[in-house]
Amino acid sequence: MASQTLSAAALPVLGETRPRTVTDQIFDLLYERVVNLTLPPGAKLSEAEVASQMGVSRQPVRDAFYRLSQMGFIQIRPQRATTITPISEPAVLQAYFIRAALEEACMRVAAEKLTPAQLDALDALVDRQEAALDAGQRAEFHAMDDQFHRDICAYSGLDFVWSLVKENKGHMDRARYLSLTHGARTALDEHRLIMATLRDRDPARAAAAVRQHLSRIEGIIARLRVEQPGVFGG
């Protein structure tokens, strides 16, 4: 039997970006609330309640729950409550390993490639981050922290690096968010150190600076285990 090929004309033209489905939107909202601890470890989630509050059917909620469970953020137990998992130290350290390797490589490129205008934009972002810290705007500070790292990747022509980081950093973010009450000023100072290495066009120092910055997660874990031991699981 002769083989057949599918004519390109038979395929629809897609937009450059995939539309966000209802499941995507539910997942994004719940993911954010798990990471920023609005939904803390041990909190219960009801598929029916989420569906009712968001005005959707239960199927996309079920799909979003499944995605979150695959990432280790919720535990689904049939006939029992679905709960937010404790923070996993091994998962945090795995996320740190992946993120540090990717961002060190990115910083080496950034130190050689970023333009003066891009460096100025990053400095302005750090200034806004400091203003958010001084104003006690914790969520805004955290968002700009992410933007700082994301923009460096984008300016370096390495957007895919941030995409990979974002896929893996959620567990690390949960611990980092708990530390903002006592570690935000240090994080800000480290952003300024990173900027100094980038302006000096020093790839090795830039890579070392971002590793030092990200490695604070180990100290954060040690402190949280003493101050908030109940947030950790296996």
Protein backbone atom coordinates (compact mmCIF):
# COMPACT_ATOMS: atom_id res chain seq x y z
CA MET A 1 0.00 0.00 0.00
CA ALA A 2 1.44 3.34 -1.01
CA SER A 3 2.37 5.62 1.88
CA GLN A 4 0.56 8.91 2.22
CA THR A 5 1.78 12.25 3.46
CA LEU A 6 -0.27 14.90 5.15
CA SER A 7 -0.43 18.05 3.11
CA ALA A 8 0.71 21.15 4.97
CA ALA A 9 -2.44 22.81 3.71
CA ALA A 10 -4.47 20.42 5.86
CA LEU A 11 -2.93 21.76 9.07
CA PRO A 12 -4.19 24.92 10.75
CA VAL A 13 -1.88 27.89 11.21
CA LEU A 14 -1.18 28.44 14.89
CA GLY A 15 -0.32 31.69 16.56
CA GLU A 16 3.17 32.25 17.86
CA THR A 17 2.01 31.65 21.42
CA ARG A 18 -0.25 28.86 22.57
CA PRO A 19 -3.46 30.12 24.15
CA ARG A 20 -3.61 29.55 27.89
CA THR A 21 -6.24 26.96 28.66
CA VAL A 22 -8.53 27.00 31.67
CA THR A 23 -6.31 24.31 33.18
CA ASP A 24 -3.25 26.52 32.61
CA GLN A 25 -4.91 29.43 34.39
CA ILE A 26 -5.98 27.32 37.36
CA PHE A 27 -2.53 25.74 37.57
CA ASP A 28 -0.78 29.13 37.43
CA LEU A 29 -2.94 30.56 40.20
CA LEU A 30 -2.56 27.59 42.51
CA TYR A 31 1.17 27.29 41.75
CA GLU A 32 1.69 30.93 42.72
CA ARG A 33 -0.23 30.50 45.96
CA VAL A 34 1.71 27.38 46.88
CA VAL A 35 5.03 29.09 46.19
CA ASN A 36 4.21 32.30 48.07
CA LEU A 37 2.74 30.22 50.91
CA THR A 38 -0.74 31.69 50.70
CA LEU A 39 -1.45 27.96 50.60
CA PRO A 40 1.00 26.75 53.28
CA PRO A 41 2.20 23.19 53.86
CA GLY A 42 -0.64 21.10 55.23
CA ALA A 43 -3.42 23.26 53.79
CA LYS A 44 -6.32 21.32 52.29
CA LEU A 45 -7.59 21.75 48.74
CA SER A 46 -11.02 20.73 47.51
CA GLU A 47 -11.49 20.04 43.83
CA ALA A 48 -15.19 20.91 44.11
CA GLU A 49 -14.52 24.11 46.06
CA VAL A 50 -11.87 25.36 43.64
CA ALA A 51 -14.17 24.64 40.70
CA SER A 52 -17.05 26.47 42.39
CA GLN A 53 -15.00 29.53 43.36
CA MET A 54 -13.46 29.86 39.89
CA GLY A 55 -16.69 29.16 38.03
CA VAL A 56 -15.36 26.20 36.06
CA SER A 57 -16.07 22.51 35.74
CA ARG A 58 -14.16 20.02 37.86
CA GLN A 59 -12.17 18.49 34.98
CA PRO A 60 -9.69 21.38 34.45
CA VAL A 61 -9.27 21.62 38.22
CA ARG A 62 -8.55 17.89 38.34
CA ASP A 63 -5.98 18.33 35.55
CA ALA A 64 -4.32 21.25 37.36
CA PHE A 65 -4.21 19.22 40.58
CA TYR A 66 -2.53 16.38 38.71
CA ARG A 67 0.16 18.70 37.33
CA LEU A 68 0.84 20.11 40.79
CA SER A 69 1.04 16.60 42.24
CA GLN A 70 3.54 15.56 39.56
CA MET A 71 5.72 18.49 40.61
CA GLY A 72 5.50 17.42 44.25
CA PHE A 73 3.47 20.38 45.51
CA ILE A 74 0.26 18.61 46.48
CA GLN A 75 -0.64 15.12 47.61
CA ILE A 76 -3.80 13.63 46.14
CA ARG A 77 -5.29 10.79 48.18
CA PRO A 78 -8.49 9.20 46.85
CA GLN A 79 -11.41 9.53 49.25
CA ARG A 80 -9.28 11.73 51.49
CA ALA A 81 -8.32 15.41 51.54
CA THR A 82 -5.87 16.75 48.97
CA THR A 83 -3.17 18.64 50.86
CA ILE A 84 -0.25 20.96 50.19
CA THR A 85 2.96 19.03 50.74
CA PRO A 86 5.67 20.08 53.19
CA ILE A 87 8.76 21.67 51.68
CA SER A 88 11.13 18.93 50.53
CA GLU A 89 14.78 19.63 51.28
CA PRO A 90 16.02 17.21 48.58
CA ALA A 91 13.73 18.90 46.03
CA VAL A 92 15.02 22.35 47.06
CA LEU A 93 18.64 21.26 46.71
CA GLN A 94 17.96 19.62 43.35
CA ALA A 95 16.39 22.86 42.12
CA TYR A 96 19.42 24.79 43.39
CA PHE A 97 21.82 22.47 41.54
CA ILE A 98 19.97 22.91 38.26
CA ARG A 99 19.51 26.64 38.63
CA ALA A 100 23.11 27.34 39.66
CA ALA A 101 24.53 25.40 36.69
CA LEU A 102 22.29 27.21 34.20
CA GLU A 103 22.70 30.71 35.59
CA GLU A 104 26.47 30.46 36.02
CA ALA A 105 26.74 29.69 32.30
CA CYS A 106 24.36 32.52 31.49
CA MET A 107 26.36 35.03 33.57
CA ARG A 108 29.51 34.24 31.64
CA VAL A 109 27.71 35.21 28.44
CA ALA A 110 26.07 38.25 30.03
CA ALA A 111 29.37 39.68 31.24
CA GLU A 112 30.61 39.83 27.66
CA LYS A 113 27.38 40.61 25.82
CA LEU A 114 25.17 43.03 27.78
CA THR A 115 25.04 46.58 26.42
CA PRO A 116 25.42 49.72 28.57
CA ALA A 117 21.71 50.42 28.12
CA GLN A 118 20.82 46.93 29.34
CA LEU A 119 23.10 47.29 32.34
CA ASP A 120 21.45 50.62 33.15
CA ALA A 121 18.03 48.97 32.96
CA LEU A 122 19.15 46.26 35.38
CA ASP A 123 20.53 48.86 37.80
CA ALA A 124 17.20 50.70 37.67
CA LEU A 125 15.41 47.44 38.42
CA VAL A 126 17.61 46.84 41.48
CA ASP A 127 16.82 50.39 42.64
CA ARG A 128 13.10 49.64 42.36
CA GLN A 129 13.65 46.42 44.24
CA GLU A 130 15.30 48.35 47.06
CA ALA A 131 12.34 50.75 47.15
CA ALA A 132 9.98 47.78 47.44
CA LEU A 133 12.06 46.39 50.29
CA ASP A 134 12.02 49.72 52.13
CA ALA A 135 8.25 49.92 51.67
CA GLY A 136 7.74 46.42 53.04
CA GLN A 137 6.32 45.20 49.72
CA ARG A 138 7.32 41.56 50.01
CA ALA A 139 5.48 40.21 46.97
CA GLU A 140 6.77 43.02 44.74
CA PHE A 141 10.32 42.43 45.98
CA HIS A 142 10.08 38.74 45.14
CA ALA A 143 8.63 39.47 41.68
CA MET A 144 11.47 41.88 40.89
CA ASP A 145 14.00 39.36 42.16
CA ASP A 146 12.74 36.96 39.51
CA GLN A 147 12.68 39.72 36.90
CA PHE A 148 16.34 40.55 37.57
CA HIS A 149 17.43 37.02 36.77
CA ARG A 150 14.98 36.65 33.88
CA ASP A 151 16.10 39.91 32.26
CA ILE A 152 19.76 38.92 32.40
CA CYS A 153 18.90 35.72 30.54
CA ALA A 154 16.81 37.63 28.00
CA TYR A 155 19.41 40.35 27.43
CA SER A 156 22.01 37.62 26.89
CA GLY A 157 19.87 36.07 24.16
CA LEU A 158 19.29 33.03 26.37
CA ASP A 159 15.57 33.19 27.09
CA PHE A 160 15.43 29.39 27.10
CA VAL A 161 17.67 29.37 30.18
CA TRP A 162 15.03 31.17 32.21
CA SER A 163 12.35 28.83 30.88
CA LEU A 164 14.36 25.87 32.18
CA VAL A 165 15.04 27.63 35.49
CA LYS A 166 11.36 28.45 35.94
CA GLU A 167 10.37 24.83 35.37
CA ASN A 168 12.63 23.71 38.19
CA LYS A 169 12.77 26.45 40.80
CA GLY A 170 9.38 26.20 42.51
CA HIS A 171 10.56 24.18 45.51
CA MET A 172 13.48 26.55 45.99
CA ASP A 173 11.11 29.52 45.83
CA ARG A 174 8.99 28.22 48.69
CA ALA A 175 11.99 28.24 51.01
CA ARG A 176 13.24 31.57 49.65
CA TYR A 177 9.87 33.20 50.22
CA LEU A 178 9.95 32.20 53.88
CA SER A 179 13.38 33.83 54.20
CA LEU A 180 12.46 37.27 52.87
CA THR A 181 11.76 38.60 56.35
CA HIS A 182 15.44 38.28 57.26
CA GLY A 183 17.30 37.66 53.98
CA ALA A 184 15.94 40.26 51.58
CA ARG A 185 18.61 42.88 52.26
CA THR A 186 21.37 40.33 51.69
CA ALA A 187 19.74 39.25 48.42
CA LEU A 188 19.59 42.88 47.29
CA ASP A 189 23.26 43.46 48.15
CA GLU A 190 24.17 40.36 46.15
CA HIS A 191 22.25 41.70 43.14
CA ARG A 192 24.41 44.83 43.32
CA LEU A 193 27.54 42.68 43.49
CA ILE A 194 26.39 40.77 40.41
CA MET A 195 25.88 44.10 38.64
CA ALA A 196 29.43 45.18 39.54
CA THR A 197 30.89 42.03 38.00
CA LEU A 198 28.82 42.49 34.84
CA ARG A 199 29.95 46.10 34.47
CA ASP A 200 33.55 44.97 34.96
CA ARG A 201 33.07 42.51 32.06
CA ASP A 202 34.41 39.70 34.24
CA PRO A 203 32.77 36.38 33.30
CA ALA A 204 34.47 34.34 36.04
CA ARG A 205 33.51 36.75 38.81
CA ALA A 206 29.97 37.09 37.45
CA ALA A 207 29.53 33.31 37.51
CA ALA A 208 30.98 33.13 41.03
CA ALA A 209 28.72 35.97 42.22
CA VAL A 210 25.54 34.29 41.04
CA ARG A 211 26.58 30.96 42.56
CA GLN A 212 27.25 32.68 45.88
CA HIS A 213 23.87 34.40 45.61
CA LEU A 214 21.97 31.18 44.88
CA SER A 215 23.92 29.10 47.39
CA ARG A 216 22.35 31.06 50.24
CA ILE A 217 19.52 28.55 49.97
CA GLU A 218 21.60 26.10 52.02
CA GLY A 219 21.81 28.58 54.89
CA ILE A 220 18.12 29.38 54.50
CA ILE A 221 17.23 25.70 54.89
CA ALA A 222 19.40 25.38 58.01
CA ARG A 223 17.77 28.44 59.58
CA LEU A 224 14.23 27.40 58.70
CA ARG A 225 14.79 23.93 60.16
CA VAL A 226 15.42 25.64 63.51
CA GLU A 227 12.83 28.42 63.28
CA GLN A 228 10.02 26.69 61.35
CA PRO A 229 10.66 22.94 61.40
CA GLY A 230 7.02 22.17 60.67
CA VAL A 231 7.28 23.37 57.05
CA PHE A 232 9.68 20.60 56.04
CA GLY A 233 8.96 17.07 54.99
CA GLY A 234 11.06 14.44 53.28
